[in-house]
Amino acid sequence: MAGMPMCMVCYNQFHPIDRPAKIIDCGHTVCSDCALNLFLNKMPCPSKCNTVPLVRPRFTRTIPLSIVPTTRQEDRIAVAQAIKAVNDELHRLELLAEENAARLKTLGHRVTNQLSTLTRFSAAYRLAQADQKDELMKFKDIEYALRVETEREKALLEELAASQFKLLAVSPTRHSLGADSRGALELLDGMSQNIRGVKRSHEESLEAERPSKRRRIA
């Protein structure tokens, strides 16, 4: 660079350390000393742009560029280094994109496997539900058959009781009956006891079947 830029107030050349350039609120550039004086004296921009009334330090920024005099060769080297830095950053971003793509592919495979597993589990669950419904229908059929048998046994017991009542009505006392009549009464008593035993066994099997079925359904 042939010459250094100068401050618009003091006309001194900028220096990156001793006299850095400052951009004030309106966008004009002055040196750090003049920016401080403008702030301390509560003065506006010296170019009278009327953009801001006063210079404020919190809106004053240092120019992030080096303004040290350089040769053309140094400028070419700096540009080449900047281009290299940009290319390196692009290469790093490409590698990062490839890594992210590989991760997304792996996650896609995992999600696919999970969906396949859920599909198999849902099919098994539907089959289990169908089997449970079938077992429940079978249990209802068995319960209905037991109920029918119980009603039939009740009818037989009622008929047997009526027959016993008729026999007792014909013969006043059992002792006055003959051997055949007493044998018939004893046979009827035995049949009554057997039917009652069968009825109790059916009721017990029915009661035992219900809780076991409930446990299976649960």
C-alpha atoms as a PDB file:
ATOM      1  CA  MET A   1       0.000   0.000   0.000  1.00  0.00           C
ATOM      2  CA  ALA A   2       1.354   3.388  -0.948  1.00  0.00           C
ATOM      3  CA  GLY A   3       0.022   5.359   2.000  1.00  0.00           C
ATOM      4  CA  MET A   4      -1.941   4.995   5.236  1.00  0.00           C
ATOM      5  CA  PRO A   5      -5.509   6.371   5.590  1.00  0.00           C
ATOM      6  CA  MET A   6      -5.852   9.391   7.827  1.00  0.00           C
ATOM      7  CA  CYS A   7      -8.302  10.530  10.477  1.00  0.00           C
ATOM      8  CA  MET A   8     -10.838  13.060   9.201  1.00  0.00           C
ATOM      9  CA  VAL A   9     -10.444  15.139  12.380  1.00  0.00           C
ATOM     10  CA  CYS A  10      -6.725  15.286  13.285  1.00  0.00           C
ATOM     11  CA  TYR A  11      -5.386  14.159   9.848  1.00  0.00           C
ATOM     12  CA  ASN A  12      -3.008  11.724  11.478  1.00  0.00           C
ATOM     13  CA  GLN A  13      -2.487   8.312   9.905  1.00  0.00           C
ATOM     14  CA  PHE A  14      -4.195   5.332  11.527  1.00  0.00           C
ATOM     15  CA  HIS A  15      -2.115   2.710  13.319  1.00  0.00           C
ATOM     16  CA  PRO A  16      -3.489  -0.720  14.350  1.00  0.00           C
ATOM     17  CA  ILE A  17      -1.978  -0.386  17.862  1.00  0.00           C
ATOM     18  CA  ASP A  18      -1.142   3.242  18.671  1.00  0.00           C
ATOM     19  CA  ARG A  19      -4.016   4.883  16.793  1.00  0.00           C
ATOM     20  CA  PRO A  20      -6.643   2.302  15.697  1.00  0.00           C
ATOM     21  CA  ALA A  21      -9.488   3.338  13.444  1.00  0.00           C
ATOM     22  CA  LYS A  22     -12.946   3.645  15.018  1.00  0.00           C
ATOM     23  CA  ILE A  23     -16.313   3.599  13.295  1.00  0.00           C
ATOM     24  CA  ILE A  24     -18.753   5.898  15.109  1.00  0.00           C
ATOM     25  CA  ASP A  25     -22.553   5.724  15.134  1.00  0.00           C
ATOM     26  CA  CYS A  26     -23.135   7.319  11.734  1.00  0.00           C
ATOM     27  CA  GLY A  27     -20.569   5.117   9.964  1.00  0.00           C
ATOM     28  CA  HIS A  28     -17.729   7.629   9.595  1.00  0.00           C
ATOM     29  CA  THR A  29     -14.219   6.634  10.653  1.00  0.00           C
ATOM     30  CA  VAL A  30     -11.995   8.543  13.083  1.00  0.00           C
ATOM     31  CA  CYS A  31      -8.985   7.594  15.187  1.00  0.00           C
ATOM     32  CA  SER A  32      -9.387   6.349  18.731  1.00  0.00           C
ATOM     33  CA  ASP A  33      -8.121   9.607  20.269  1.00  0.00           C
ATOM     34  CA  CYS A  34     -10.584  11.747  18.329  1.00  0.00           C
ATOM     35  CA  ALA A  35     -13.435   9.363  19.123  1.00  0.00           C
ATOM     36  CA  LEU A  36     -12.641   9.692  22.818  1.00  0.00           C
ATOM     37  CA  ASN A  37     -12.475  13.510  22.557  1.00  0.00           C
ATOM     38  CA  LEU A  38     -15.821  13.634  20.734  1.00  0.00           C
ATOM     39  CA  PHE A  39     -17.389  11.553  23.491  1.00  0.00           C
ATOM     40  CA  LEU A  40     -15.867  13.533  26.362  1.00  0.00           C
ATOM     41  CA  ASN A  41     -16.837  16.876  24.809  1.00  0.00           C
ATOM     42  CA  LYS A  42     -20.316  15.573  23.908  1.00  0.00           C
ATOM     43  CA  MET A  43     -19.914  16.495  20.265  1.00  0.00           C
ATOM     44  CA  PRO A  44     -21.660  15.070  17.173  1.00  0.00           C
ATOM     45  CA  CYS A  45     -19.991  13.670  14.074  1.00  0.00           C
ATOM     46  CA  PRO A  46     -17.330  16.102  12.779  1.00  0.00           C
ATOM     47  CA  SER A  47     -18.563  15.691   9.202  1.00  0.00           C
ATOM     48  CA  LYS A  48     -21.906  17.242  10.275  1.00  0.00           C
ATOM     49  CA  CYS A  49     -23.934  14.405   8.811  1.00  0.00           C
ATOM     50  CA  ASN A  50     -26.683  15.009  11.430  1.00  0.00           C
ATOM     51  CA  THR A  51     -27.347  11.260  11.636  1.00  0.00           C
ATOM     52  CA  VAL A  52     -26.788  11.047  15.402  1.00  0.00           C
ATOM     53  CA  PRO A  53     -26.736  13.938  17.846  1.00  0.00           C
ATOM     54  CA  LEU A  54     -23.794  12.718  19.974  1.00  0.00           C
ATOM     55  CA  VAL A  55     -21.002  10.131  19.689  1.00  0.00           C
ATOM     56  CA  ARG A  56     -21.603   7.227  22.072  1.00  0.00           C
ATOM     57  CA  PRO A  57     -18.854   4.725  23.010  1.00  0.00           C
ATOM     58  CA  ARG A  58     -21.122   1.702  23.106  1.00  0.00           C
ATOM     59  CA  PHE A  59     -21.888   2.175  19.398  1.00  0.00           C
ATOM     60  CA  THR A  60     -18.241   2.791  18.462  1.00  0.00           C
ATOM     61  CA  ARG A  61     -16.471  -0.195  16.902  1.00  0.00           C
ATOM     62  CA  THR A  62     -12.852  -0.839  15.985  1.00  0.00           C
ATOM     63  CA  ILE A  63     -12.219  -1.673  12.331  1.00  0.00           C
ATOM     64  CA  PRO A  64     -11.288  -5.410  12.308  1.00  0.00           C
ATOM     65  CA  LEU A  65      -8.868  -5.018   9.374  1.00  0.00           C
ATOM     66  CA  SER A  66      -5.161  -4.468   9.405  1.00  0.00           C
ATOM     67  CA  ILE A  67      -4.115  -1.182   7.848  1.00  0.00           C
ATOM     68  CA  VAL A  68      -0.371  -1.769   8.126  1.00  0.00           C
ATOM     69  CA  PRO A  69       1.404  -0.946   4.816  1.00  0.00           C
ATOM     70  CA  THR A  70       2.041  -4.131   2.804  1.00  0.00           C
ATOM     71  CA  THR A  71       3.588  -5.009  -0.530  1.00  0.00           C
ATOM     72  CA  ARG A  72       1.808  -6.665  -3.446  1.00  0.00           C
ATOM     73  CA  GLN A  73       3.597  -9.933  -2.706  1.00  0.00           C
ATOM     74  CA  GLU A  74       2.374  -9.862   0.906  1.00  0.00           C
ATOM     75  CA  ASP A  75      -1.145  -9.088  -0.329  1.00  0.00           C
ATOM     76  CA  ARG A  76      -1.026 -12.091  -2.685  1.00  0.00           C
ATOM     77  CA  ILE A  77       0.181 -14.334   0.154  1.00  0.00           C
ATOM     78  CA  ALA A  78      -2.584 -13.058   2.444  1.00  0.00           C
ATOM     79  CA  VAL A  79      -5.224 -13.665  -0.253  1.00  0.00           C
ATOM     80  CA  ALA A  80      -3.869 -17.185  -0.909  1.00  0.00           C
ATOM     81  CA  GLN A  81      -3.978 -17.951   2.804  1.00  0.00           C
ATOM     82  CA  ALA A  82      -7.546 -16.675   3.024  1.00  0.00           C
ATOM     83  CA  ILE A  83      -8.562 -18.823   0.037  1.00  0.00           C
ATOM     84  CA  LYS A  84      -6.856 -21.831   1.610  1.00  0.00           C
ATOM     85  CA  ALA A  85      -8.648 -21.229   4.891  1.00  0.00           C
ATOM     86  CA  VAL A  86     -11.984 -21.029   3.063  1.00  0.00           C
ATOM     87  CA  ASN A  87     -11.248 -24.261   1.148  1.00  0.00           C
ATOM     88  CA  ASP A  88     -10.252 -26.021   4.365  1.00  0.00           C
ATOM     89  CA  GLU A  89     -13.486 -24.905   5.983  1.00  0.00           C
ATOM     90  CA  LEU A  90     -15.493 -26.124   2.984  1.00  0.00           C
ATOM     91  CA  HIS A  91     -13.701 -29.486   3.122  1.00  0.00           C
ATOM     92  CA  ARG A  92     -14.460 -29.754   6.852  1.00  0.00           C
ATOM     93  CA  LEU A  93     -18.118 -28.961   6.198  1.00  0.00           C
ATOM     94  CA  GLU A  94     -18.262 -31.610   3.457  1.00  0.00           C
ATOM     95  CA  LEU A  95     -16.795 -34.226   5.789  1.00  0.00           C
ATOM     96  CA  LEU A  96     -19.285 -33.205   8.458  1.00  0.00           C
ATOM     97  CA  ALA A  97     -22.146 -33.492   5.954  1.00  0.00           C
ATOM     98  CA  GLU A  98     -20.983 -37.015   4.933  1.00  0.00           C
ATOM     99  CA  GLU A  99     -20.743 -38.033   8.587  1.00  0.00           C
ATOM    100  CA  ASN A 100     -24.234 -36.709   9.265  1.00  0.00           C
ATOM    101  CA  ALA A 101     -25.558 -38.544   6.191  1.00  0.00           C
ATOM    102  CA  ALA A 102     -24.023 -41.810   7.449  1.00  0.00           C
ATOM    103  CA  ARG A 103     -25.585 -41.261  10.865  1.00  0.00           C
ATOM    104  CA  LEU A 104     -28.970 -40.560   9.305  1.00  0.00           C
ATOM    105  CA  LYS A 105     -28.690 -43.741   7.242  1.00  0.00           C
ATOM    106  CA  THR A 106     -27.868 -45.764  10.368  1.00  0.00           C
ATOM    107  CA  LEU A 107     -30.788 -44.203  12.222  1.00  0.00           C
ATOM    108  CA  GLY A 108     -33.054 -45.012   9.264  1.00  0.00           C
ATOM    109  CA  HIS A 109     -32.038 -48.693   9.410  1.00  0.00           C
ATOM    110  CA  ARG A 110     -32.673 -48.748  13.146  1.00  0.00           C
ATOM    111  CA  VAL A 111     -36.088 -47.166  12.752  1.00  0.00           C
ATOM    112  CA  THR A 112     -36.939 -49.690  10.015  1.00  0.00           C
ATOM    113  CA  ASN A 113     -35.917 -52.586  12.265  1.00  0.00           C
ATOM    114  CA  GLN A 114     -37.967 -51.190  15.129  1.00  0.00           C
ATOM    115  CA  LEU A 115     -41.005 -50.835  12.878  1.00  0.00           C
ATOM    116  CA  SER A 116     -40.591 -54.412  11.657  1.00  0.00           C
ATOM    117  CA  THR A 117     -40.369 -55.648  15.253  1.00  0.00           C
ATOM    118  CA  LEU A 118     -43.474 -53.670  16.213  1.00  0.00           C
ATOM    119  CA  THR A 119     -45.312 -55.119  13.219  1.00  0.00           C
ATOM    120  CA  ARG A 120     -44.462 -58.675  14.293  1.00  0.00           C
ATOM    121  CA  PHE A 121     -45.485 -57.951  17.873  1.00  0.00           C
ATOM    122  CA  SER A 122     -48.778 -56.422  16.741  1.00  0.00           C
ATOM    123  CA  ALA A 123     -49.536 -59.512  14.630  1.00  0.00           C
ATOM    124  CA  ALA A 124     -48.743 -61.801  17.573  1.00  0.00           C
ATOM    125  CA  TYR A 125     -50.921 -59.640  19.820  1.00  0.00           C
ATOM    126  CA  ARG A 126     -53.848 -59.882  17.385  1.00  0.00           C
ATOM    127  CA  LEU A 127     -53.459 -63.661  17.251  1.00  0.00           C
ATOM    128  CA  ALA A 128     -53.386 -63.834  21.037  1.00  0.00           C
ATOM    129  CA  GLN A 129     -56.541 -61.726  21.196  1.00  0.00           C
ATOM    130  CA  ALA A 130     -58.263 -64.045  18.705  1.00  0.00           C
ATOM    131  CA  ASP A 131     -57.222 -67.099  20.735  1.00  0.00           C
ATOM    132  CA  GLN A 132     -58.471 -65.440  23.898  1.00  0.00           C
ATOM    133  CA  LYS A 133     -61.843 -64.778  22.260  1.00  0.00           C
ATOM    134  CA  ASP A 134     -62.049 -68.394  21.120  1.00  0.00           C
ATOM    135  CA  GLU A 135     -61.260 -69.662  24.609  1.00  0.00           C
ATOM    136  CA  LEU A 136     -63.849 -67.330  26.066  1.00  0.00           C
ATOM    137  CA  MET A 137     -66.498 -68.625  23.669  1.00  0.00           C
ATOM    138  CA  LYS A 138     -65.591 -72.208  24.577  1.00  0.00           C
ATOM    139  CA  PHE A 139     -65.891 -71.361  28.260  1.00  0.00           C
ATOM    140  CA  LYS A 140     -69.307 -69.816  27.649  1.00  0.00           C
ATOM    141  CA  ASP A 141     -70.401 -72.943  25.774  1.00  0.00           C
ATOM    142  CA  ILE A 142     -69.195 -75.157  28.630  1.00  0.00           C
ATOM    143  CA  GLU A 143     -70.924 -72.948  31.180  1.00  0.00           C
ATOM    144  CA  TYR A 144     -74.164 -73.114  29.194  1.00  0.00           C
ATOM    145  CA  ALA A 145     -73.930 -76.924  28.915  1.00  0.00           C
ATOM    146  CA  LEU A 146     -73.352 -77.199  32.682  1.00  0.00           C
ATOM    147  CA  ARG A 147     -76.307 -74.943  33.318  1.00  0.00           C
ATOM    148  CA  VAL A 148     -78.515 -77.120  31.097  1.00  0.00           C
ATOM    149  CA  GLU A 149     -77.356 -80.277  32.877  1.00  0.00           C
ATOM    150  CA  THR A 150     -77.997 -78.650  36.245  1.00  0.00           C
ATOM    151  CA  GLU A 151     -81.559 -77.733  35.209  1.00  0.00           C
ATOM    152  CA  ARG A 152     -82.107 -81.288  33.966  1.00  0.00           C
ATOM    153  CA  GLU A 153     -80.873 -82.730  37.274  1.00  0.00           C
ATOM    154  CA  LYS A 154     -83.170 -80.390  39.162  1.00  0.00           C
ATOM    155  CA  ALA A 155     -86.092 -81.649  37.086  1.00  0.00           C
ATOM    156  CA  LEU A 156     -85.103 -85.278  37.815  1.00  0.00           C
ATOM    157  CA  LEU A 157     -84.869 -84.534  41.533  1.00  0.00           C
ATOM    158  CA  GLU A 158     -88.297 -82.947  41.484  1.00  0.00           C
ATOM    159  CA  GLU A 159     -89.736 -85.991  39.676  1.00  0.00           C
ATOM    160  CA  LEU A 160     -88.018 -88.302  42.164  1.00  0.00           C
ATOM    161  CA  ALA A 161     -89.390 -86.325  45.101  1.00  0.00           C
ATOM    162  CA  ALA A 162     -92.877 -86.497  43.596  1.00  0.00           C
ATOM    163  CA  SER A 163     -92.519 -90.277  43.148  1.00  0.00           C
ATOM    164  CA  GLN A 164     -91.385 -90.667  46.774  1.00  0.00           C
ATOM    165  CA  PHE A 165     -94.318 -88.571  47.943  1.00  0.00           C
ATOM    166  CA  LYS A 166     -96.734 -90.764  45.972  1.00  0.00           C
ATOM    167  CA  LEU A 167     -95.216 -93.953  47.416  1.00  0.00           C
ATOM    168  CA  LEU A 168     -95.450 -92.576  50.944  1.00  0.00           C
ATOM    169  CA  ALA A 169     -99.033 -91.543  50.304  1.00  0.00           C
ATOM    170  CA  VAL A 170     -99.937 -95.076  49.185  1.00  0.00           C
ATOM    171  CA  SER A 171     -98.184 -96.759  52.168  1.00  0.00           C
ATOM    172  CA  PRO A 172     -98.734 -95.061  55.578  1.00  0.00           C
ATOM    173  CA  THR A 173     -95.586 -96.434  57.114  1.00  0.00           C
ATOM    174  CA  ARG A 174     -92.499 -98.093  55.728  1.00  0.00           C
ATOM    175  CA  HIS A 175     -92.768-100.964  58.198  1.00  0.00           C
ATOM    176  CA  SER A 176     -96.188-101.962  56.877  1.00  0.00           C
ATOM    177  CA  LEU A 177     -94.823-102.305  53.350  1.00  0.00           C
ATOM    178  CA  GLY A 178     -93.620-105.519  51.953  1.00  0.00           C
ATOM    179  CA  ALA A 179     -90.057-106.397  51.189  1.00  0.00           C
ATOM    180  CA  ASP A 180     -90.444-105.315  47.576  1.00  0.00           C
ATOM    181  CA  SER A 181     -91.882-101.902  48.521  1.00  0.00           C
ATOM    182  CA  ARG A 182     -89.099-101.273  51.052  1.00  0.00           C
ATOM    183  CA  GLY A 183     -86.526-102.263  48.444  1.00  0.00           C
ATOM    184  CA  ALA A 184     -88.094 -99.851  45.972  1.00  0.00           C
ATOM    185  CA  LEU A 185     -87.968 -97.017  48.529  1.00  0.00           C
ATOM    186  CA  GLU A 186     -84.373 -97.791  49.376  1.00  0.00           C
ATOM    187  CA  LEU A 187     -83.540 -97.820  45.677  1.00  0.00           C
ATOM    188  CA  LEU A 188     -85.226 -94.442  45.234  1.00  0.00           C
ATOM    189  CA  ASP A 189     -83.295 -93.047  48.230  1.00  0.00           C
ATOM    190  CA  GLY A 190     -80.030 -94.285  46.729  1.00  0.00           C
ATOM    191  CA  MET A 191     -80.858 -92.746  43.354  1.00  0.00           C
ATOM    192  CA  SER A 192     -81.735 -89.449  45.046  1.00  0.00           C
ATOM    193  CA  GLN A 193     -78.425 -89.398  46.898  1.00  0.00           C
ATOM    194  CA  ASN A 194     -76.525 -90.250  43.714  1.00  0.00           C
ATOM    195  CA  ILE A 195     -78.245 -87.471  41.780  1.00  0.00           C
ATOM    196  CA  ARG A 196     -77.523 -85.002  44.593  1.00  0.00           C
ATOM    197  CA  GLY A 197     -73.870 -86.089  44.553  1.00  0.00           C
ATOM    198  CA  VAL A 198     -73.672 -85.632  40.789  1.00  0.00           C
ATOM    199  CA  LYS A 199     -75.278 -82.200  41.111  1.00  0.00           C
ATOM    200  CA  ARG A 200     -72.765 -81.137  43.778  1.00  0.00           C
ATOM    201  CA  SER A 201     -69.860 -82.402  41.659  1.00  0.00           C
ATOM    202  CA  HIS A 202     -71.151 -80.432  38.652  1.00  0.00           C
ATOM    203  CA  GLU A 203     -71.549 -77.278  40.706  1.00  0.00           C
ATOM    204  CA  GLU A 204     -68.071 -77.691  42.191  1.00  0.00           C
ATOM    205  CA  SER A 205     -66.527 -78.233  38.745  1.00  0.00           C
ATOM    206  CA  LEU A 206     -68.391 -75.144  37.468  1.00  0.00           C
ATOM    207  CA  GLU A 207     -67.105 -73.003  40.330  1.00  0.00           C
ATOM    208  CA  ALA A 208     -63.572 -74.362  39.849  1.00  0.00           C
ATOM    209  CA  GLU A 209     -63.697 -73.629  36.119  1.00  0.00           C
ATOM    210  CA  ARG A 210     -64.667 -69.959  36.524  1.00  0.00           C
ATOM    211  CA  PRO A 211     -61.660 -68.610  38.521  1.00  0.00           C
ATOM    212  CA  SER A 212     -59.176 -70.552  36.355  1.00  0.00           C
ATOM    213  CA  LYS A 213     -60.743 -69.014  33.240  1.00  0.00           C
ATOM    214  CA  ARG A 214     -60.604 -65.560  34.780  1.00  0.00           C
ATOM    215  CA  ARG A 215     -56.892 -66.042  35.508  1.00  0.00           C
ATOM    216  CA  ARG A 216     -56.284 -67.053  31.900  1.00  0.00           C
ATOM    217  CA  ILE A 217     -58.131 -64.050  30.557  1.00  0.00           C
ATOM    218  CA  ALA A 218     -56.307 -61.713  32.975  1.00  0.00           C
END
